[in-house]
C-alpha atoms as a PDB file:
ATOM      1  CA  UNK A   1    -115.991  85.866  -6.318  1.00  0.00           C
ATOM      2  CA  UNK A   2    -116.545  84.350  -2.876  1.00  0.00           C
ATOM      3  CA  UNK A   3    -113.839  83.308  -0.431  1.00  0.00           C
ATOM      4  CA  UNK A   4    -114.411  80.297   1.792  1.00  0.00           C
ATOM      5  CA  UNK A   5    -114.970  82.444   4.873  1.00  0.00           C
ATOM      6  CA  UNK A   6    -118.203  83.689   3.281  1.00  0.00           C
ATOM      7  CA  UNK A   7    -119.605  80.183   3.733  1.00  0.00           C
ATOM      8  CA  UNK A   8    -118.868  80.088   7.463  1.00  0.00           C
ATOM      9  CA  UNK A   9    -120.576  83.213   8.846  1.00  0.00           C
ATOM     10  CA  UNK A  10    -123.805  83.306  10.842  1.00  0.00           C
ATOM     11  CA  UNK A  11    -125.734  84.831   7.954  1.00  0.00           C
ATOM     12  CA  UNK A  12    -123.993  82.794   5.217  1.00  0.00           C
ATOM     13  CA  UNK A  13    -126.938  80.501   4.520  1.00  0.00           C
ATOM     14  CA  UNK A  14    -129.459  83.359   4.186  1.00  0.00           C
ATOM     15  CA  UNK A  15    -127.091  85.319   1.946  1.00  0.00           C
ATOM     16  CA  UNK A  16    -126.490  82.274  -0.243  1.00  0.00           C
ATOM     17  CA  UNK A  17    -130.208  81.550  -0.637  1.00  0.00           C
ATOM     18  CA  UNK A  18    -130.776  85.172  -1.651  1.00  0.00           C
ATOM     19  CA  UNK A  19    -127.924  85.033  -4.161  1.00  0.00           C
ATOM     20  CA  UNK A  20    -129.277  81.881  -5.840  1.00  0.00           C
ATOM     21  CA  UNK A  21    -132.822  83.329  -5.902  1.00  0.00           C
ATOM     22  CA  UNK A  22    -131.620  86.503  -7.660  1.00  0.00           C
ATOM     23  CA  UNK A  23    -129.274  84.902 -10.184  1.00  0.00           C
ATOM     24  CA  UNK A  24    -129.093  82.140 -12.751  1.00  0.00           C
ATOM     25  CA  UNK A  25    -125.622  80.625 -12.474  1.00  0.00           C
ATOM     26  CA  UNK A  26    -123.973  79.224 -15.613  1.00  0.00           C
ATOM     27  CA  UNK A  27    -120.559  78.180 -14.357  1.00  0.00           C
ATOM     28  CA  UNK A  28    -119.221  77.477 -10.840  1.00  0.00           C
ATOM     29  CA  UNK A  29    -115.452  77.313 -10.354  1.00  0.00           C
ATOM     30  CA  UNK A  30    -114.377  75.928  -6.974  1.00  0.00           C
ATOM     31  CA  UNK A  31    -110.664  76.659  -6.567  1.00  0.00           C
ATOM     32  CA  UNK A  32    -108.723  74.610  -3.975  1.00  0.00           C
ATOM     33  CA  UNK A  33    -111.826  72.437  -3.716  1.00  0.00           C
ATOM     34  CA  UNK A  34    -110.198  70.248  -1.036  1.00  0.00           C
ATOM     35  CA  UNK A  35    -110.980  73.069   1.421  1.00  0.00           C
ATOM     36  CA  UNK A  36    -114.629  71.993   1.141  1.00  0.00           C
ATOM     37  CA  UNK A  37    -114.180  68.243   1.424  1.00  0.00           C
ATOM     38  CA  UNK A  38    -115.496  65.737   3.952  1.00  0.00           C
ATOM     39  CA  UNK A  39    -112.684  63.841   5.627  1.00  0.00           C
ATOM     40  CA  UNK A  40    -114.494  60.951   7.320  1.00  0.00           C
ATOM     41  CA  UNK A  41    -117.496  58.914   6.175  1.00  0.00           C
ATOM     42  CA  UNK A  42    -120.466  59.433   8.476  1.00  0.00           C
ATOM     43  CA  UNK A  43    -118.939  62.521  10.060  1.00  0.00           C
ATOM     44  CA  UNK A  44    -121.042  65.629  10.508  1.00  0.00           C
ATOM     45  CA  UNK A  45    -120.717  67.749   7.374  1.00  0.00           C
ATOM     46  CA  UNK A  46    -119.045  71.090   7.982  1.00  0.00           C
ATOM     47  CA  UNK A  47    -121.038  74.253   7.380  1.00  0.00           C
ATOM     48  CA  UNK A  48    -118.549  75.254   4.693  1.00  0.00           C
ATOM     49  CA  UNK A  49    -118.967  72.015   2.730  1.00  0.00           C
ATOM     50  CA  UNK A  50    -122.740  71.963   3.208  1.00  0.00           C
ATOM     51  CA  UNK A  51    -123.166  75.474   1.812  1.00  0.00           C
ATOM     52  CA  UNK A  52    -120.704  75.076  -1.068  1.00  0.00           C
ATOM     53  CA  UNK A  53    -122.458  71.866  -2.056  1.00  0.00           C
ATOM     54  CA  UNK A  54    -125.838  73.549  -1.559  1.00  0.00           C
ATOM     55  CA  UNK A  55    -124.846  76.383  -3.891  1.00  0.00           C
ATOM     56  CA  UNK A  56    -123.976  73.889  -6.645  1.00  0.00           C
ATOM     57  CA  UNK A  57    -127.129  71.815  -6.158  1.00  0.00           C
ATOM     58  CA  UNK A  58    -129.505  74.789  -6.057  1.00  0.00           C
ATOM     59  CA  UNK A  59    -127.816  76.447  -9.036  1.00  0.00           C
ATOM     60  CA  UNK A  60    -128.233  73.179 -10.946  1.00  0.00           C
ATOM     61  CA  UNK A  61    -131.970  73.153 -10.228  1.00  0.00           C
ATOM     62  CA  UNK A  62    -132.359  76.557 -11.914  1.00  0.00           C
ATOM     63  CA  UNK A  63    -130.025  75.761 -14.813  1.00  0.00           C
ATOM     64  CA  UNK A  64    -129.880  72.232 -16.220  1.00  0.00           C
ATOM     65  CA  UNK A  65    -126.789  73.209 -18.255  1.00  0.00           C
ATOM     66  CA  UNK A  66    -124.791  74.305 -15.204  1.00  0.00           C
ATOM     67  CA  UNK A  67    -121.039  73.631 -15.514  1.00  0.00           C
ATOM     68  CA  UNK A  68    -118.917  72.889 -12.447  1.00  0.00           C
ATOM     69  CA  UNK A  69    -115.114  72.980 -12.349  1.00  0.00           C
ATOM     70  CA  UNK A  70    -113.251  71.886  -9.225  1.00  0.00           C
ATOM     71  CA  UNK A  71    -109.508  72.577  -9.015  1.00  0.00           C
ATOM     72  CA  UNK A  72    -107.080  70.988  -6.563  1.00  0.00           C
ATOM     73  CA  UNK A  73    -103.516  69.770  -6.443  1.00  0.00           C
ATOM     74  CA  UNK A  74    -104.391  67.578  -3.442  1.00  0.00           C
ATOM     75  CA  UNK A  75    -107.856  66.001  -3.831  1.00  0.00           C
ATOM     76  CA  UNK A  76    -106.859  63.108  -1.544  1.00  0.00           C
ATOM     77  CA  UNK A  77    -104.724  63.801   1.516  1.00  0.00           C
ATOM     78  CA  UNK A  78    -105.705  61.457   4.337  1.00  0.00           C
ATOM     79  CA  UNK A  79    -108.566  59.172   3.309  1.00  0.00           C
ATOM     80  CA  UNK A  80    -110.462  58.012   0.218  1.00  0.00           C
ATOM     81  CA  UNK A  81    -113.595  59.620   1.663  1.00  0.00           C
ATOM     82  CA  UNK A  82    -112.066  62.988   0.778  1.00  0.00           C
ATOM     83  CA  UNK A  83    -111.857  62.097  -2.914  1.00  0.00           C
ATOM     84  CA  UNK A  84    -115.331  60.561  -2.889  1.00  0.00           C
ATOM     85  CA  UNK A  85    -116.854  63.684  -1.321  1.00  0.00           C
ATOM     86  CA  UNK A  86    -115.252  65.887  -4.010  1.00  0.00           C
ATOM     87  CA  UNK A  87    -116.561  63.642  -6.790  1.00  0.00           C
ATOM     88  CA  UNK A  88    -120.048  63.897  -5.288  1.00  0.00           C
ATOM     89  CA  UNK A  89    -119.768  67.673  -5.015  1.00  0.00           C
ATOM     90  CA  UNK A  90    -118.781  68.055  -8.666  1.00  0.00           C
ATOM     91  CA  UNK A  91    -121.374  65.636 -10.078  1.00  0.00           C
ATOM     92  CA  UNK A  92    -124.205  66.625  -7.744  1.00  0.00           C
ATOM     93  CA  UNK A  93    -125.199  63.081  -6.789  1.00  0.00           C
ATOM     94  CA  UNK A  94    -124.066  60.249  -4.526  1.00  0.00           C
ATOM     95  CA  UNK A  95    -121.517  57.622  -5.552  1.00  0.00           C
ATOM     96  CA  UNK A  96    -122.245  54.712  -3.246  1.00  0.00           C
ATOM     97  CA  UNK A  97    -120.241  52.386  -5.501  1.00  0.00           C
ATOM     98  CA  UNK A  98    -117.020  54.084  -4.363  1.00  0.00           C
ATOM     99  CA  UNK A  99    -115.867  52.387  -1.160  1.00  0.00           C
ATOM    100  CA  UNK A 100    -113.530  54.294   1.130  1.00  0.00           C
ATOM    101  CA  UNK A 101    -111.637  51.569   2.988  1.00  0.00           C
ATOM    102  CA  UNK A 102    -107.926  51.969   2.197  1.00  0.00           C
ATOM    103  CA  UNK A 103    -107.335  49.127  -0.251  1.00  0.00           C
ATOM    104  CA  UNK A 104    -105.581  49.140  -3.602  1.00  0.00           C
ATOM    105  CA  UNK A 105    -108.814  48.136  -5.352  1.00  0.00           C
ATOM    106  CA  UNK A 106    -110.758  51.035  -3.829  1.00  0.00           C
ATOM    107  CA  UNK A 107    -107.942  53.465  -4.661  1.00  0.00           C
ATOM    108  CA  UNK A 108    -108.052  52.339  -8.293  1.00  0.00           C
ATOM    109  CA  UNK A 109    -111.833  52.700  -8.436  1.00  0.00           C
ATOM    110  CA  UNK A 110    -111.627  56.276  -7.188  1.00  0.00           C
ATOM    111  CA  UNK A 111    -108.762  56.954  -9.623  1.00  0.00           C
ATOM    112  CA  UNK A 112    -110.914  55.727 -12.528  1.00  0.00           C
ATOM    113  CA  UNK A 113    -113.731  58.027 -11.469  1.00  0.00           C
ATOM    114  CA  UNK A 114    -111.417  61.042 -11.190  1.00  0.00           C
ATOM    115  CA  UNK A 115    -109.949  60.317 -14.635  1.00  0.00           C
ATOM    116  CA  UNK A 116    -113.388  60.222 -16.264  1.00  0.00           C
ATOM    117  CA  UNK A 117    -114.302  63.560 -14.664  1.00  0.00           C
ATOM    118  CA  UNK A 118    -111.210  65.611 -15.380  1.00  0.00           C
ATOM    119  CA  UNK A 119    -107.525  66.003 -16.131  1.00  0.00           C
ATOM    120  CA  UNK A 120    -104.370  66.159 -14.039  1.00  0.00           C
ATOM    121  CA  UNK A 121    -101.124  67.918 -14.896  1.00  0.00           C
ATOM    122  CA  UNK A 122     -97.825  67.318 -13.109  1.00  0.00           C
ATOM    123  CA  UNK A 123     -95.028  69.621 -14.269  1.00  0.00           C
ATOM    124  CA  UNK A 124     -91.618  68.214 -15.105  1.00  0.00           C
ATOM    125  CA  UNK A 125     -89.389  70.468 -13.025  1.00  0.00           C
ATOM    126  CA  UNK A 126     -85.959  71.364 -14.347  1.00  0.00           C
ATOM    127  CA  UNK A 127     -84.898  72.385 -10.831  1.00  0.00           C
ATOM    128  CA  UNK A 128     -83.315  69.543  -8.856  1.00  0.00           C
ATOM    129  CA  UNK A 129     -84.653  68.689  -5.405  1.00  0.00           C
ATOM    130  CA  UNK A 130     -82.123  67.592  -2.772  1.00  0.00           C
ATOM    131  CA  UNK A 131     -83.636  66.257   0.483  1.00  0.00           C
ATOM    132  CA  UNK A 132     -81.153  65.541   3.272  1.00  0.00           C
ATOM    133  CA  UNK A 133     -81.878  64.019   6.672  1.00  0.00           C
ATOM    134  CA  UNK A 134     -79.602  65.126   9.518  1.00  0.00           C
ATOM    135  CA  UNK A 135     -79.727  62.553  12.324  1.00  0.00           C
ATOM    136  CA  UNK A 136     -79.480  63.795  15.923  1.00  0.00           C
ATOM    137  CA  UNK A 137     -78.982  61.413  18.839  1.00  0.00           C
ATOM    138  CA  UNK A 138     -81.204  62.612  21.694  1.00  0.00           C
ATOM    139  CA  UNK A 139     -80.164  59.954  24.226  1.00  0.00           C
ATOM    140  CA  UNK A 140     -79.065  62.641  26.701  1.00  0.00           C
ATOM    141  CA  UNK A 141     -82.636  63.967  26.778  1.00  0.00           C
ATOM    142  CA  UNK A 142     -84.464  60.643  27.274  1.00  0.00           C
ATOM    143  CA  UNK A 143     -85.225  61.280  30.953  1.00  0.00           C
ATOM    144  CA  UNK A 144     -86.755  64.654  30.092  1.00  0.00           C
ATOM    145  CA  UNK A 145     -88.807  63.093  27.292  1.00  0.00           C
ATOM    146  CA  UNK A 146     -89.974  60.235  29.528  1.00  0.00           C
ATOM    147  CA  UNK A 147     -91.014  62.751  32.183  1.00  0.00           C
ATOM    148  CA  UNK A 148     -93.534  64.215  29.736  1.00  0.00           C
ATOM    149  CA  UNK A 149     -95.541  60.994  29.966  1.00  0.00           C
ATOM    150  CA  UNK A 150     -98.738  61.266  27.940  1.00  0.00           C
ATOM    151  CA  UNK A 151     -98.764  65.038  27.638  1.00  0.00           C
ATOM    152  CA  UNK A 152     -99.399  66.898  24.399  1.00  0.00           C
ATOM    153  CA  UNK A 153     -97.356  66.592  21.223  1.00  0.00           C
ATOM    154  CA  UNK A 154     -96.634  70.313  21.525  1.00  0.00           C
ATOM    155  CA  UNK A 155     -94.718  69.733  24.763  1.00  0.00           C
ATOM    156  CA  UNK A 156     -92.685  66.988  23.093  1.00  0.00           C
ATOM    157  CA  UNK A 157     -91.926  69.369  20.216  1.00  0.00           C
ATOM    158  CA  UNK A 158     -90.698  71.956  22.742  1.00  0.00           C
ATOM    159  CA  UNK A 159     -88.007  69.515  23.895  1.00  0.00           C
ATOM    160  CA  UNK A 160     -87.127  68.230  20.419  1.00  0.00           C
ATOM    161  CA  UNK A 161     -86.869  71.772  19.058  1.00  0.00           C
ATOM    162  CA  UNK A 162     -84.179  72.569  21.638  1.00  0.00           C
ATOM    163  CA  UNK A 163     -82.344  69.447  20.487  1.00  0.00           C
ATOM    164  CA  UNK A 164     -82.652  70.380  16.801  1.00  0.00           C
ATOM    165  CA  UNK A 165     -81.593  74.052  17.110  1.00  0.00           C
ATOM    166  CA  UNK A 166     -77.800  73.483  16.890  1.00  0.00           C
ATOM    167  CA  UNK A 167     -78.255  71.378  13.730  1.00  0.00           C
ATOM    168  CA  UNK A 168     -80.577  73.988  12.234  1.00  0.00           C
ATOM    169  CA  UNK A 169     -78.023  76.738  12.835  1.00  0.00           C
ATOM    170  CA  UNK A 170     -75.178  74.575  11.445  1.00  0.00           C
ATOM    171  CA  UNK A 171     -77.064  74.359   8.155  1.00  0.00           C
ATOM    172  CA  UNK A 172     -77.439  78.120   7.719  1.00  0.00           C
ATOM    173  CA  UNK A 173     -74.569  79.765   5.870  1.00  0.00           C
ATOM    174  CA  UNK A 174     -73.759  83.499   6.059  1.00  0.00           C
ATOM    175  CA  UNK A 175     -75.242  85.467   3.183  1.00  0.00           C
ATOM    176  CA  UNK A 176     -77.861  82.924   2.108  1.00  0.00           C
ATOM    177  CA  UNK A 177     -81.639  83.184   2.457  1.00  0.00           C
ATOM    178  CA  UNK A 178     -83.098  80.272   4.413  1.00  0.00           C
ATOM    179  CA  UNK A 179     -86.672  79.362   5.325  1.00  0.00           C
ATOM    180  CA  UNK A 180     -87.079  77.502   8.631  1.00  0.00           C
ATOM    181  CA  UNK A 181     -90.483  75.826   8.861  1.00  0.00           C
ATOM    182  CA  UNK A 182     -92.198  74.706  12.052  1.00  0.00           C
ATOM    183  CA  UNK A 183     -95.651  73.137  12.117  1.00  0.00           C
ATOM    184  CA  UNK A 184     -96.015  73.975  15.804  1.00  0.00           C
ATOM    185  CA  UNK A 185     -95.629  77.614  16.823  1.00  0.00           C
ATOM    186  CA  UNK A 186     -96.425  78.290  20.495  1.00  0.00           C
ATOM    187  CA  UNK A 187     -93.172  78.743  22.438  1.00  0.00           C
ATOM    188  CA  UNK A 188     -91.310  77.354  19.415  1.00  0.00           C
ATOM    189  CA  UNK A 189     -91.246  79.993  16.653  1.00  0.00           C
ATOM    190  CA  UNK A 190     -90.039  82.724  19.028  1.00  0.00           C
ATOM    191  CA  UNK A 191     -87.205  80.717  20.615  1.00  0.00           C
ATOM    192  CA  UNK A 192     -86.159  79.500  17.153  1.00  0.00           C
ATOM    193  CA  UNK A 193     -85.885  83.060  15.868  1.00  0.00           C
ATOM    194  CA  UNK A 194     -83.990  84.171  18.996  1.00  0.00           C
ATOM    195  CA  UNK A 195     -81.486  81.298  18.753  1.00  0.00           C
ATOM    196  CA  UNK A 196     -80.865  82.011  15.061  1.00  0.00           C
ATOM    197  CA  UNK A 197     -80.456  85.735  15.783  1.00  0.00           C
ATOM    198  CA  UNK A 198     -78.051  84.973  18.652  1.00  0.00           C
ATOM    199  CA  UNK A 199     -75.973  82.991  16.151  1.00  0.00           C
ATOM    200  CA  UNK A 200     -75.484  86.189  14.156  1.00  0.00           C
ATOM    201  CA  UNK A 201     -78.164  85.906  11.472  1.00  0.00           C
ATOM    202  CA  UNK A 202     -80.862  88.452  10.636  1.00  0.00           C
ATOM    203  CA  UNK A 203     -83.987  86.474  11.544  1.00  0.00           C
ATOM    204  CA  UNK A 204     -87.710  87.160  11.225  1.00  0.00           C
ATOM    205  CA  UNK A 205     -90.997  85.355  11.975  1.00  0.00           C
ATOM    206  CA  UNK A 206     -94.150  84.675   9.946  1.00  0.00           C
ATOM    207  CA  UNK A 207     -97.072  82.991  11.727  1.00  0.00           C
ATOM    208  CA  UNK A 208    -100.813  83.424  11.912  1.00  0.00           C
ATOM    209  CA  UNK A 209    -100.294  86.043  14.613  1.00  0.00           C
ATOM    210  CA  UNK A 210     -97.842  88.267  12.687  1.00  0.00           C
ATOM    211  CA  UNK A 211     -98.266  90.619   9.759  1.00  0.00           C
ATOM    212  CA  UNK A 212     -96.411  90.350   6.433  1.00  0.00           C
ATOM    213  CA  UNK A 213     -93.749  92.950   7.225  1.00  0.00           C
ATOM    214  CA  UNK A 214     -90.933  90.453   7.858  1.00  0.00           C
ATOM    215  CA  UNK A 215     -92.032  88.259   4.941  1.00  0.00           C
ATOM    216  CA  UNK A 216     -91.683  91.291   2.660  1.00  0.00           C
ATOM    217  CA  UNK A 217     -88.210  91.947   4.059  1.00  0.00           C
ATOM    218  CA  UNK A 218     -87.306  88.309   3.364  1.00  0.00           C
ATOM    219  CA  UNK A 219     -88.599  88.478  -0.230  1.00  0.00           C
ATOM    220  CA  UNK A 220     -86.735  91.733  -0.871  1.00  0.00           C
ATOM    221  CA  UNK A 221     -83.148  90.916  -2.020  1.00  0.00           C
ATOM    222  CA  UNK A 222     -82.026  94.023  -0.154  1.00  0.00           C
ATOM    223  CA  UNK A 223     -84.302  93.394   2.830  1.00  0.00           C
ATOM    224  CA  UNK A 224     -83.251  93.050   6.444  1.00  0.00           C
ATOM    225  CA  UNK A 225     -84.321  89.415   6.979  1.00  0.00           C
ATOM    226  CA  UNK A 226     -82.089  86.532   5.835  1.00  0.00           C
ATOM    227  CA  UNK A 227     -83.675  83.681   7.810  1.00  0.00           C
ATOM    228  CA  UNK A 228     -87.459  83.470   8.117  1.00  0.00           C
ATOM    229  CA  UNK A 229     -89.034  81.208  10.746  1.00  0.00           C
ATOM    230  CA  UNK A 230     -92.485  80.399   9.378  1.00  0.00           C
ATOM    231  CA  UNK A 231     -95.550  78.321  10.219  1.00  0.00           C
ATOM    232  CA  UNK A 232     -97.997  76.571   7.863  1.00  0.00           C
ATOM    233  CA  UNK A 233     -99.050  80.045   6.757  1.00  0.00           C
ATOM    234  CA  UNK A 234     -96.116  79.914   4.327  1.00  0.00           C
ATOM    235  CA  UNK A 235     -97.457  76.746   2.642  1.00  0.00           C
ATOM    236  CA  UNK A 236    -100.154  78.339   0.479  1.00  0.00           C
ATOM    237  CA  UNK A 237    -100.801  81.715  -1.091  1.00  0.00           C
ATOM    238  CA  UNK A 238     -97.201  82.955  -0.880  1.00  0.00           C
ATOM    239  CA  UNK A 239     -95.316  83.562  -4.118  1.00  0.00           C
ATOM    240  CA  UNK A 240     -91.796  84.821  -4.734  1.00  0.00           C
ATOM    241  CA  UNK A 241     -89.854  82.478  -2.444  1.00  0.00           C
ATOM    242  CA  UNK A 242     -88.448  80.679  -5.501  1.00  0.00           C
ATOM    243  CA  UNK A 243     -86.631  83.880  -6.504  1.00  0.00           C
ATOM    244  CA  UNK A 244     -84.764  84.518  -3.239  1.00  0.00           C
ATOM    245  CA  UNK A 245     -84.518  81.230  -1.344  1.00  0.00           C
ATOM    246  CA  UNK A 246     -83.438  77.695  -2.257  1.00  0.00           C
ATOM    247  CA  UNK A 247     -82.985  76.182   1.206  1.00  0.00           C
ATOM    248  CA  UNK A 248     -85.739  74.921   3.497  1.00  0.00           C
ATOM    249  CA  UNK A 249     -85.024  73.546   6.974  1.00  0.00           C
ATOM    250  CA  UNK A 250     -87.936  71.747   8.620  1.00  0.00           C
ATOM    251  CA  UNK A 251     -88.022  71.877  12.410  1.00  0.00           C
ATOM    252  CA  UNK A 252     -91.423  70.269  13.052  1.00  0.00           C
ATOM    253  CA  UNK A 253     -92.855  68.289  10.133  1.00  0.00           C
ATOM    254  CA  UNK A 254     -96.476  68.723   9.013  1.00  0.00           C
ATOM    255  CA  UNK A 255     -98.825  65.776   9.505  1.00  0.00           C
ATOM    256  CA  UNK A 256     -99.950  65.269   5.901  1.00  0.00           C
ATOM    257  CA  UNK A 257     -98.037  64.657   2.707  1.00  0.00           C
ATOM    258  CA  UNK A 258    -100.131  67.303   0.953  1.00  0.00           C
ATOM    259  CA  UNK A 259     -98.969  69.943   3.437  1.00  0.00           C
ATOM    260  CA  UNK A 260     -95.402  68.739   2.956  1.00  0.00           C
ATOM    261  CA  UNK A 261     -95.711  68.920  -0.852  1.00  0.00           C
ATOM    262  CA  UNK A 262     -97.194  72.417  -0.679  1.00  0.00           C
ATOM    263  CA  UNK A 263     -94.434  73.532   1.673  1.00  0.00           C
ATOM    264  CA  UNK A 264     -91.636  72.222  -0.570  1.00  0.00           C
ATOM    265  CA  UNK A 265     -93.506  73.470  -3.643  1.00  0.00           C
ATOM    266  CA  UNK A 266     -93.194  77.085  -2.500  1.00  0.00           C
ATOM    267  CA  UNK A 267     -89.516  76.870  -3.563  1.00  0.00           C
ATOM    268  CA  UNK A 268     -89.395  73.841  -5.896  1.00  0.00           C
ATOM    269  CA  UNK A 269     -91.448  75.276  -8.726  1.00  0.00           C
ATOM    270  CA  UNK A 270     -91.323  76.614 -12.273  1.00  0.00           C
ATOM    271  CA  UNK A 271     -89.545  79.925 -12.701  1.00  0.00           C
ATOM    272  CA  UNK A 272     -87.056  79.378  -9.867  1.00  0.00           C
ATOM    273  CA  UNK A 273     -83.777  81.192 -10.405  1.00  0.00           C
ATOM    274  CA  UNK A 274     -81.900  78.328  -8.691  1.00  0.00           C
ATOM    275  CA  UNK A 275     -80.649  75.074 -10.239  1.00  0.00           C
ATOM    276  CA  UNK A 276     -81.217  73.101  -7.046  1.00  0.00           C
ATOM    277  CA  UNK A 277     -83.515  73.343  -4.020  1.00  0.00           C
ATOM    278  CA  UNK A 278     -82.214  71.966  -0.715  1.00  0.00           C
ATOM    279  CA  UNK A 279     -84.498  70.556   1.985  1.00  0.00           C
ATOM    280  CA  UNK A 280     -82.900  69.738   5.359  1.00  0.00           C
ATOM    281  CA  UNK A 281     -84.853  67.607   7.850  1.00  0.00           C
ATOM    282  CA  UNK A 282     -83.306  67.191  11.323  1.00  0.00           C
ATOM    283  CA  UNK A 283     -84.324  63.721  12.585  1.00  0.00           C
ATOM    284  CA  UNK A 284     -84.021  62.979  16.297  1.00  0.00           C
ATOM    285  CA  UNK A 285     -83.556  59.386  17.468  1.00  0.00           C
ATOM    286  CA  UNK A 286     -82.393  57.339  20.435  1.00  0.00           C
ATOM    287  CA  UNK A 287     -81.590  53.738  21.289  1.00  0.00           C
ATOM    288  CA  UNK A 288     -84.189  52.526  23.810  1.00  0.00           C
ATOM    289  CA  UNK A 289     -83.826  49.010  25.259  1.00  0.00           C
ATOM    290  CA  UNK A 290     -81.689  48.042  22.293  1.00  0.00           C
ATOM    291  CA  UNK A 291     -84.137  49.356  19.708  1.00  0.00           C
ATOM    292  CA  UNK A 292     -84.137  52.562  17.688  1.00  0.00           C
ATOM    293  CA  UNK A 293     -86.844  55.058  18.717  1.00  0.00           C
ATOM    294  CA  UNK A 294     -87.631  58.129  16.623  1.00  0.00           C
ATOM    295  CA  UNK A 295     -90.668  60.374  16.800  1.00  0.00           C
ATOM    296  CA  UNK A 296     -89.418  62.260  13.718  1.00  0.00           C
ATOM    297  CA  UNK A 297     -89.128  59.053  11.676  1.00  0.00           C
ATOM    298  CA  UNK A 298     -92.615  58.013  12.728  1.00  0.00           C
ATOM    299  CA  UNK A 299     -93.936  61.264  11.227  1.00  0.00           C
ATOM    300  CA  UNK A 300     -91.944  60.693   8.034  1.00  0.00           C
ATOM    301  CA  UNK A 301     -93.452  57.197   7.773  1.00  0.00           C
ATOM    302  CA  UNK A 302     -96.911  58.682   8.258  1.00  0.00           C
ATOM    303  CA  UNK A 303     -96.285  61.087   5.366  1.00  0.00           C
ATOM    304  CA  UNK A 304     -95.157  58.174   3.191  1.00  0.00           C
ATOM    305  CA  UNK A 305     -98.294  56.156   4.014  1.00  0.00           C
ATOM    306  CA  UNK A 306    -100.570  59.050   3.092  1.00  0.00           C
ATOM    307  CA  UNK A 307     -98.510  59.654  -0.033  1.00  0.00           C
ATOM    308  CA  UNK A 308     -99.060  56.069  -1.129  1.00  0.00           C
ATOM    309  CA  UNK A 309    -102.841  56.472  -0.831  1.00  0.00           C
ATOM    310  CA  UNK A 310    -102.739  59.753  -2.738  1.00  0.00           C
ATOM    311  CA  UNK A 311    -100.475  58.331  -5.446  1.00  0.00           C
ATOM    312  CA  UNK A 312    -102.817  55.407  -5.979  1.00  0.00           C
ATOM    313  CA  UNK A 313    -106.113  57.327  -5.889  1.00  0.00           C
ATOM    314  CA  UNK A 314    -105.001  60.466  -7.746  1.00  0.00           C
ATOM    315  CA  UNK A 315    -102.278  59.254 -10.127  1.00  0.00           C
ATOM    316  CA  UNK A 316    -103.087  55.560 -10.514  1.00  0.00           C
ATOM    317  CA  UNK A 317     -99.714  54.432  -9.124  1.00  0.00           C
ATOM    318  CA  UNK A 318    -100.038  50.987  -7.550  1.00  0.00           C
ATOM    319  CA  UNK A 319     -98.175  51.190  -4.211  1.00  0.00           C
ATOM    320  CA  UNK A 320     -95.398  48.774  -3.268  1.00  0.00           C
ATOM    321  CA  UNK A 321     -96.576  46.464  -0.508  1.00  0.00           C
ATOM    322  CA  UNK A 322     -99.886  46.666   1.310  1.00  0.00           C
ATOM    323  CA  UNK A 323    -101.695  49.851   2.340  1.00  0.00           C
ATOM    324  CA  UNK A 324    -101.798  49.954   6.134  1.00  0.00           C
ATOM    325  CA  UNK A 325    -103.748  52.102   8.550  1.00  0.00           C
END
């Protein structure tokens, strides 16, 4: 069993060559294979992808009957190149007939190739999913937002987080367990936790810089954390949320639909003890020169665009309207 970090170390290539020399491999299982994909055509291949692919190719040279199984809930997230690179990794040879420009025809061609190589299962959840958008007029903050100019998205999220905090707190009820997600963390996760604590709730934090102590308190029905402010770390590899929590409030949205699906899927999944899962998305907006402006809505539209590509390429669903970059 090898984790992906073993393909990224300085001595990874030498260790991998030695492993293949010493062993005849019969079966390679690549779990969460999208972690070893190539996102853009012509881009420099990452060391991780190069070595994972090298392991499969070299193992195939020693054993003509080698079997390869790739597993992923999100083989296509951003571009068709991702799906093409995974197909090439599994089969061990190039597929130049698969074009990666985002058109319906190319999506269907990739879908056909994926269908011939494997199976896909989508569970029929009994738990209802309720997604609610809470609109917040940020007109009073327009001067502050304009003053940011062309600075980083993180600085914009600092301002918008302050605007969203009252709405976030309004949607937390005493006695319930609530997960508050934020894609951006620096100077955001801490103030979020402090504001929620100041409102009288027992709040904790889970990010890449914290240990699991407060997560464990959140998962424990008798634990001391009722509201957990968490980063993308909560999106994968965390089980048990479906037993204690049925409300998710999203402060800063992720950038890909796959990340969004994984985030929601931590609660909306089989075995949940709740009949309904609630997702609350505060959406800031303002009227600018007579037109509606919304950074939050632009991110939601981006998720929908990427979802349409994924639906077409992975599930064969022909999107409504044209695919746009």
